[in-house]
Amino acid sequence: MDFEVIGKITGAETFAEGRGIRDLPRLLSTYGGRNWRKRKGFALVRLLETGETRHAEVHWYEAHGIGKKEMKVKR
């Protein structure tokens, strides 16, 4: 599902870091970096397929110096 985040992400929290991330080897080989975290928060998103706007929970991976990668809508 393709989407666009509109505005700020609120209530962001880290729920996995380092070895607690299942995809850590893939993240390291794809993007490099260190200190990866898996985070979640809430944001207003626009679904690109339908143009519909919704408040949704979004998840992403983040590392210092690399930024947010692989965002996805969970709810």
PDB file of N, CA and C in Angstrom:
ATOM      1  N   MET A   1       0.848  -1.174   0.000  1.00  0.00           N
ATOM      2  CA  MET A   1       0.000   0.000   0.000  1.00  0.00           C
ATOM      3  C   MET A   1       0.895   1.239   0.000  1.00  0.00           C
ATOM      4  N   ASP A   2       0.720   2.096  -0.968  1.00  0.00           N
ATOM      5  CA  ASP A   2       1.487   3.332  -1.028  1.00  0.00           C
ATOM      6  C   ASP A   2       0.721   4.427  -0.305  1.00  0.00           C
ATOM      7  N   PHE A   3       1.454   5.247   0.429  1.00  0.00           N
ATOM      8  CA  PHE A   3       0.831   6.319   1.191  1.00  0.00           C
ATOM      9  C   PHE A   3       1.818   7.461   1.355  1.00  0.00           C
ATOM     10  N   GLU A   4       1.280   8.592   1.813  1.00  0.00           N
ATOM     11  CA  GLU A   4       2.078   9.780   2.049  1.00  0.00           C
ATOM     12  C   GLU A   4       1.715  10.298   3.437  1.00  0.00           C
ATOM     13  N   VAL A   5       2.724  10.575   4.258  1.00  0.00           N
ATOM     14  CA  VAL A   5       2.484  11.113   5.596  1.00  0.00           C
ATOM     15  C   VAL A   5       2.219  12.598   5.458  1.00  0.00           C
ATOM     16  N   ILE A   6       1.125  13.047   6.071  1.00  0.00           N
ATOM     17  CA  ILE A   6       0.756  14.457   6.046  1.00  0.00           C
ATOM     18  C   ILE A   6       0.966  15.004   7.452  1.00  0.00           C
ATOM     19  N   GLY A   7       1.800  15.982   7.618  1.00  0.00           N
ATOM     20  CA  GLY A   7       2.041  16.577   8.926  1.00  0.00           C
ATOM     21  C   GLY A   7       3.051  15.793   9.738  1.00  0.00           C
ATOM     22  N   LYS A   8       2.986  15.973  11.051  1.00  0.00           N
ATOM     23  CA  LYS A   8       3.951  15.360  11.968  1.00  0.00           C
ATOM     24  C   LYS A   8       3.481  13.998  12.462  1.00  0.00           C
ATOM     25  N   ILE A   9       4.453  13.184  12.835  1.00  0.00           N
ATOM     26  CA  ILE A   9       4.171  11.905  13.483  1.00  0.00           C
ATOM     27  C   ILE A   9       4.140  12.172  14.980  1.00  0.00           C
ATOM     28  N   THR A  10       3.058  11.783  15.640  1.00  0.00           N
ATOM     29  CA  THR A  10       2.920  12.025  17.070  1.00  0.00           C
ATOM     30  C   THR A  10       3.016  10.716  17.847  1.00  0.00           C
ATOM     31  N   GLY A  11       3.361  10.827  19.115  1.00  0.00           N
ATOM     32  CA  GLY A  11       3.415   9.652  19.985  1.00  0.00           C
ATOM     33  C   GLY A  11       4.454   8.637  19.557  1.00  0.00           C
ATOM     34  N   ALA A  12       5.543   9.081  18.939  1.00  0.00           N
ATOM     35  CA  ALA A  12       6.572   8.153  18.455  1.00  0.00           C
ATOM     36  C   ALA A  12       7.255   7.456  19.630  1.00  0.00           C
ATOM     37  N   GLU A  13       7.439   6.162  19.483  1.00  0.00           N
ATOM     38  CA  GLU A  13       8.128   5.384  20.517  1.00  0.00           C
ATOM     39  C   GLU A  13       8.932   4.265  19.873  1.00  0.00           C
ATOM     40  N   THR A  14      10.024   3.909  20.513  1.00  0.00           N
ATOM     41  CA  THR A  14      10.870   2.818  20.063  1.00  0.00           C
ATOM     42  C   THR A  14      10.382   1.538  20.724  1.00  0.00           C
ATOM     43  N   PHE A  15      10.173   0.478  19.938  1.00  0.00           N
ATOM     44  CA  PHE A  15       9.757  -0.773  20.560  1.00  0.00           C
ATOM     45  C   PHE A  15      10.715  -1.928  20.284  1.00  0.00           C
ATOM     46  N   ALA A  16      11.772  -1.689  19.505  1.00  0.00           N
ATOM     47  CA  ALA A  16      12.830  -2.688  19.339  1.00  0.00           C
ATOM     48  C   ALA A  16      14.090  -1.959  18.912  1.00  0.00           C
ATOM     49  N   GLU A  17      15.234  -2.443  19.382  1.00  0.00           N
ATOM     50  CA  GLU A  17      16.498  -1.864  18.956  1.00  0.00           C
ATOM     51  C   GLU A  17      17.594  -2.913  18.943  1.00  0.00           C
ATOM     52  N   GLY A  18      18.608  -2.660  18.141  1.00  0.00           N
ATOM     53  CA  GLY A  18      19.751  -3.561  18.056  1.00  0.00           C
ATOM     54  C   GLY A  18      19.353  -4.968  17.671  1.00  0.00           C
ATOM     55  N   ARG A  19      19.815  -5.930  18.436  1.00  0.00           N
ATOM     56  CA  ARG A  19      19.562  -7.351  18.133  1.00  0.00           C
ATOM     57  C   ARG A  19      18.110  -7.760  18.260  1.00  0.00           C
ATOM     58  N   GLY A  20      17.282  -6.907  18.850  1.00  0.00           N
ATOM     59  CA  GLY A  20      15.855  -7.189  18.965  1.00  0.00           C
ATOM     60  C   GLY A  20      15.105  -7.023  17.656  1.00  0.00           C
ATOM     61  N   ILE A  21      15.773  -6.511  16.630  1.00  0.00           N
ATOM     62  CA  ILE A  21      15.152  -6.318  15.318  1.00  0.00           C
ATOM     63  C   ILE A  21      15.453  -7.536  14.456  1.00  0.00           C
ATOM     64  N   ARG A  22      14.422  -8.216  13.997  1.00  0.00           N
ATOM     65  CA  ARG A  22      14.598  -9.432  13.190  1.00  0.00           C
ATOM     66  C   ARG A  22      15.313  -9.157  11.875  1.00  0.00           C
ATOM     67  N   ASP A  23      15.055  -7.993  11.275  1.00  0.00           N
ATOM     68  CA  ASP A  23      15.619  -7.652   9.966  1.00  0.00           C
ATOM     69  C   ASP A  23      16.962  -6.938  10.061  1.00  0.00           C
ATOM     70  N   LEU A  24      17.618  -6.967  11.194  1.00  0.00           N
ATOM     71  CA  LEU A  24      18.860  -6.222  11.376  1.00  0.00           C
ATOM     72  C   LEU A  24      19.935  -6.571  10.343  1.00  0.00           C
ATOM     73  N   PRO A  25      20.213  -7.839  10.049  1.00  0.00           N
ATOM     74  CA  PRO A  25      21.237  -8.135   9.033  1.00  0.00           C
ATOM     75  C   PRO A  25      20.908  -7.525   7.665  1.00  0.00           C
ATOM     76  N   ARG A  26      19.643  -7.564   7.278  1.00  0.00           N
ATOM     77  CA  ARG A  26      19.231  -6.987   6.000  1.00  0.00           C
ATOM     78  C   ARG A  26      19.383  -5.465   6.010  1.00  0.00           C
ATOM     79  N   LEU A  27      18.995  -4.820   7.108  1.00  0.00           N
ATOM     80  CA  LEU A  27      19.139  -3.363   7.211  1.00  0.00           C
ATOM     81  C   LEU A  27      20.601  -2.949   7.118  1.00  0.00           C
ATOM     82  N   LEU A  28      21.466  -3.686   7.802  1.00  0.00           N
ATOM     83  CA  LEU A  28      22.890  -3.367   7.781  1.00  0.00           C
ATOM     84  C   LEU A  28      23.477  -3.537   6.387  1.00  0.00           C
ATOM     85  N   SER A  29      23.097  -4.595   5.679  1.00  0.00           N
ATOM     86  CA  SER A  29      23.655  -4.811   4.343  1.00  0.00           C
ATOM     87  C   SER A  29      23.068  -3.841   3.309  1.00  0.00           C
ATOM     88  N   THR A  30      21.816  -3.434   3.492  1.00  0.00           N
ATOM     89  CA  THR A  30      21.171  -2.536   2.535  1.00  0.00           C
ATOM     90  C   THR A  30      21.565  -1.076   2.744  1.00  0.00           C
ATOM     91  N   TYR A  31      21.504  -0.608   3.998  1.00  0.00           N
ATOM     92  CA  TYR A  31      21.697   0.811   4.286  1.00  0.00           C
ATOM     93  C   TYR A  31      22.980   1.116   5.059  1.00  0.00           C
ATOM     94  N   GLY A  32      23.586   0.102   5.680  1.00  0.00           N
ATOM     95  CA  GLY A  32      24.747   0.347   6.535  1.00  0.00           C
ATOM     96  C   GLY A  32      24.294   0.936   7.856  1.00  0.00           C
ATOM     97  N   GLY A  33      25.137   1.743   8.449  1.00  0.00           N
ATOM     98  CA  GLY A  33      24.762   2.421   9.682  1.00  0.00           C
ATOM     99  C   GLY A  33      24.900   1.549  10.910  1.00  0.00           C
ATOM    100  N   ARG A  34      24.557   2.135  12.028  1.00  0.00           N
ATOM    101  CA  ARG A  34      24.609   1.458  13.324  1.00  0.00           C
ATOM    102  C   ARG A  34      23.418   1.912  14.152  1.00  0.00           C
ATOM    103  N   ASN A  35      23.211   1.249  15.261  1.00  0.00           N
ATOM    104  CA  ASN A  35      22.165   1.636  16.222  1.00  0.00           C
ATOM    105  C   ASN A  35      20.775   1.752  15.592  1.00  0.00           C
ATOM    106  N   TRP A  36      20.350   0.699  14.911  1.00  0.00           N
ATOM    107  CA  TRP A  36      19.029   0.682  14.314  1.00  0.00           C
ATOM    108  C   TRP A  36      17.953   0.545  15.376  1.00  0.00           C
ATOM    109  N   ARG A  37      16.812   1.206  15.140  1.00  0.00           N
ATOM    110  CA  ARG A  37      15.653   1.127  16.022  1.00  0.00           C
ATOM    111  C   ARG A  37      14.412   0.885  15.171  1.00  0.00           C
ATOM    112  N   LYS A  38      13.464   0.141  15.717  1.00  0.00           N
ATOM    113  CA  LYS A  38      12.164  -0.009  15.082  1.00  0.00           C
ATOM    114  C   LYS A  38      11.218   0.864  15.883  1.00  0.00           C
ATOM    115  N   ARG A  39      10.519   1.778  15.208  1.00  0.00           N
ATOM    116  CA  ARG A  39       9.704   2.764  15.901  1.00  0.00           C
ATOM    117  C   ARG A  39       8.281   2.760  15.366  1.00  0.00           C
ATOM    118  N   LYS A  40       7.384   3.338  16.155  1.00  0.00           N
ATOM    119  CA  LYS A  40       5.997   3.484  15.725  1.00  0.00           C
ATOM    120  C   LYS A  40       5.447   4.798  16.249  1.00  0.00           C
ATOM    121  N   GLY A  41       4.419   5.289  15.576  1.00  0.00           N
ATOM    122  CA  GLY A  41       3.764   6.523  15.967  1.00  0.00           C
ATOM    123  C   GLY A  41       2.458   6.657  15.194  1.00  0.00           C
ATOM    124  N   PHE A  42       1.792   7.777  15.377  1.00  0.00           N
ATOM    125  CA  PHE A  42       0.517   8.025  14.711  1.00  0.00           C
ATOM    126  C   PHE A  42       0.637   9.262  13.837  1.00  0.00           C
ATOM    127  N   ALA A  43       0.020   9.192  12.665  1.00  0.00           N
ATOM    128  CA  ALA A  43       0.081  10.313  11.728  1.00  0.00           C
ATOM    129  C   ALA A  43      -1.144  10.308  10.824  1.00  0.00           C
ATOM    130  N   LEU A  44      -1.394  11.450  10.236  1.00  0.00           N
ATOM    131  CA  LEU A  44      -2.418  11.572   9.223  1.00  0.00           C
ATOM    132  C   LEU A  44      -1.768  11.159   7.911  1.00  0.00           C
ATOM    133  N   VAL A  45      -2.350  10.183   7.223  1.00  0.00           N
ATOM    134  CA  VAL A  45      -1.769   9.683   5.974  1.00  0.00           C
ATOM    135  C   VAL A  45      -2.786   9.783   4.846  1.00  0.00           C
ATOM    136  N   ARG A  46      -2.278   9.969   3.626  1.00  0.00           N
ATOM    137  CA  ARG A  46      -3.116   9.965   2.428  1.00  0.00           C
ATOM    138  C   ARG A  46      -2.784   8.703   1.655  1.00  0.00           C
ATOM    139  N   LEU A  47      -3.786   7.868   1.431  1.00  0.00           N
ATOM    140  CA  LEU A  47      -3.608   6.651   0.646  1.00  0.00           C
ATOM    141  C   LEU A  47      -3.578   7.038  -0.822  1.00  0.00           C
ATOM    142  N   LEU A  48      -2.499   6.713  -1.516  1.00  0.00           N
ATOM    143  CA  LEU A  48      -2.320   7.165  -2.892  1.00  0.00           C
ATOM    144  C   LEU A  48      -3.248   6.462  -3.879  1.00  0.00           C
ATOM    145  N   GLU A  49      -3.674   5.234  -3.563  1.00  0.00           N
ATOM    146  CA  GLU A  49      -4.583   4.511  -4.463  1.00  0.00           C
ATOM    147  C   GLU A  49      -5.946   5.194  -4.562  1.00  0.00           C
ATOM    148  N   THR A  50      -6.487   5.586  -3.403  1.00  0.00           N
ATOM    149  CA  THR A  50      -7.849   6.131  -3.366  1.00  0.00           C
ATOM    150  C   THR A  50      -7.897   7.624  -3.091  1.00  0.00           C
ATOM    151  N   GLY A  51      -6.791   8.198  -2.598  1.00  0.00           N
ATOM    152  CA  GLY A  51      -6.783   9.609  -2.235  1.00  0.00           C
ATOM    153  C   GLY A  51      -7.407   9.868  -0.874  1.00  0.00           C
ATOM    154  N   GLU A  52      -7.799   8.807  -0.200  1.00  0.00           N
ATOM    155  CA  GLU A  52      -8.442   8.886   1.109  1.00  0.00           C
ATOM    156  C   GLU A  52      -7.439   9.322   2.170  1.00  0.00           C
ATOM    157  N   THR A  53      -7.891  10.158   3.133  1.00  0.00           N
ATOM    158  CA  THR A  53      -7.049  10.611   4.228  1.00  0.00           C
ATOM    159  C   THR A  53      -7.519   9.949   5.513  1.00  0.00           C
ATOM    160  N   ARG A  54      -6.573   9.374   6.266  1.00  0.00           N
ATOM    161  CA  ARG A  54      -6.917   8.671   7.509  1.00  0.00           C
ATOM    162  C   ARG A  54      -5.864   8.909   8.570  1.00  0.00           C
ATOM    163  N   HIS A  55      -6.267   8.777   9.822  1.00  0.00           N
ATOM    164  CA  HIS A  55      -5.337   8.775  10.943  1.00  0.00           C
ATOM    165  C   HIS A  55      -4.903   7.321  11.125  1.00  0.00           C
ATOM    166  N   ALA A  56      -3.580   7.066  11.082  1.00  0.00           N
ATOM    167  CA  ALA A  56      -3.119   5.678  11.093  1.00  0.00           C
ATOM    168  C   ALA A  56      -1.879   5.508  11.963  1.00  0.00           C
ATOM    169  N   GLU A  57      -1.657   4.269  12.398  1.00  0.00           N
ATOM    170  CA  GLU A  57      -0.422   3.907  13.083  1.00  0.00           C
ATOM    171  C   GLU A  57       0.603   3.556  12.010  1.00  0.00           C
ATOM    172  N   VAL A  58       1.772   4.178  12.088  1.00  0.00           N
ATOM    173  CA  VAL A  58       2.825   3.905  11.119  1.00  0.00           C
ATOM    174  C   VAL A  58       4.040   3.337  11.836  1.00  0.00           C
ATOM    175  N   HIS A  59       4.738   2.420  11.172  1.00  0.00           N
ATOM    176  CA  HIS A  59       5.953   1.803  11.696  1.00  0.00           C
ATOM    177  C   HIS A  59       7.086   2.088  10.726  1.00  0.00           C
ATOM    178  N   TRP A  60       8.309   2.205  11.246  1.00  0.00           N
ATOM    179  CA  TRP A  60       9.467   2.437  10.402  1.00  0.00           C
ATOM    180  C   TRP A  60      10.737   2.038  11.130  1.00  0.00           C
ATOM    181  N   TYR A  61      11.825   1.916  10.360  1.00  0.00           N
ATOM    182  CA  TYR A  61      13.159   1.683  10.909  1.00  0.00           C
ATOM    183  C   TYR A  61      13.905   3.008  10.856  1.00  0.00           C
ATOM    184  N   GLU A  62      14.782   3.229  11.843  1.00  0.00           N
ATOM    185  CA  GLU A  62      15.511   4.488  11.903  1.00  0.00           C
ATOM    186  C   GLU A  62      16.897   4.254  12.476  1.00  0.00           C
ATOM    187  N   ALA A  63      17.895   4.931  11.896  1.00  0.00           N
ATOM    188  CA  ALA A  63      19.261   4.861  12.412  1.00  0.00           C
ATOM    189  C   ALA A  63      19.866   6.257  12.359  1.00  0.00           C
ATOM    190  N   HIS A  64      20.759   6.539  13.269  1.00  0.00           N
ATOM    191  CA  HIS A  64      21.416   7.838  13.327  1.00  0.00           C
ATOM    192  C   HIS A  64      22.192   8.082  12.032  1.00  0.00           C
ATOM    193  N   GLY A  65      21.997   9.238  11.437  1.00  0.00           N
ATOM    194  CA  GLY A  65      22.692   9.593  10.214  1.00  0.00           C
ATOM    195  C   GLY A  65      22.072   9.042   8.951  1.00  0.00           C
ATOM    196  N   ILE A  66      21.087   8.155   9.084  1.00  0.00           N
ATOM    197  CA  ILE A  66      20.444   7.546   7.916  1.00  0.00           C
ATOM    198  C   ILE A  66      18.995   8.009   7.810  1.00  0.00           C
ATOM    199  N   GLY A  67      18.322   8.147   8.926  1.00  0.00           N
ATOM    200  CA  GLY A  67      16.943   8.623   8.925  1.00  0.00           C
ATOM    201  C   GLY A  67      15.927   7.501   8.872  1.00  0.00           C
ATOM    202  N   LYS A  68      14.680   7.869   8.557  1.00  0.00           N
ATOM    203  CA  LYS A  68      13.574   6.910   8.515  1.00  0.00           C
ATOM    204  C   LYS A  68      13.632   6.112   7.217  1.00  0.00           C
ATOM    205  N   LYS A  69      13.451   4.806   7.334  1.00  0.00           N
ATOM    206  CA  LYS A  69      13.434   3.919   6.173  1.00  0.00           C
ATOM    207  C   LYS A  69      12.279   2.943   6.290  1.00  0.00           C
ATOM    208  N   GLU A  70      11.719   2.569   5.160  1.00  0.00           N
ATOM    209  CA  GLU A  70      10.703   1.518   5.058  1.00  0.00           C
ATOM    210  C   GLU A  70       9.486   1.753   5.939  1.00  0.00           C
ATOM    211  N   MET A  71       8.858   2.899   5.780  1.00  0.00           N
ATOM    212  CA  MET A  71       7.624   3.191   6.519  1.00  0.00           C
ATOM    213  C   MET A  71       6.487   2.329   6.018  1.00  0.00           C
ATOM    214  N   LYS A  72       5.613   1.919   6.933  1.00  0.00           N
ATOM    215  CA  LYS A  72       4.421   1.182   6.538  1.00  0.00           C
ATOM    216  C   LYS A  72       3.277   1.495   7.473  1.00  0.00           C
ATOM    217  N   VAL A  73       2.064   1.427   6.947  1.00  0.00           N
ATOM    218  CA  VAL A  73       0.854   1.653   7.721  1.00  0.00           C
ATOM    219  C   VAL A  73       0.456   0.342   8.367  1.00  0.00           C
ATOM    220  N   LYS A  74       0.225   0.345   9.659  1.00  0.00           N
ATOM    221  CA  LYS A  74      -0.161  -0.876  10.364  1.00  0.00           C
ATOM    222  C   LYS A  74      -1.664  -0.912  10.663  1.00  0.00           C
ATOM    223  N   ARG A  75      -2.271   0.220  10.958  1.00  0.00           N
ATOM    224  CA  ARG A  75      -3.700   0.235  11.293  1.00  0.00           C
ATOM    225  C   ARG A  75      -4.365   1.438  10.662  1.00  0.00           C
TER     226      ARG A  75
END
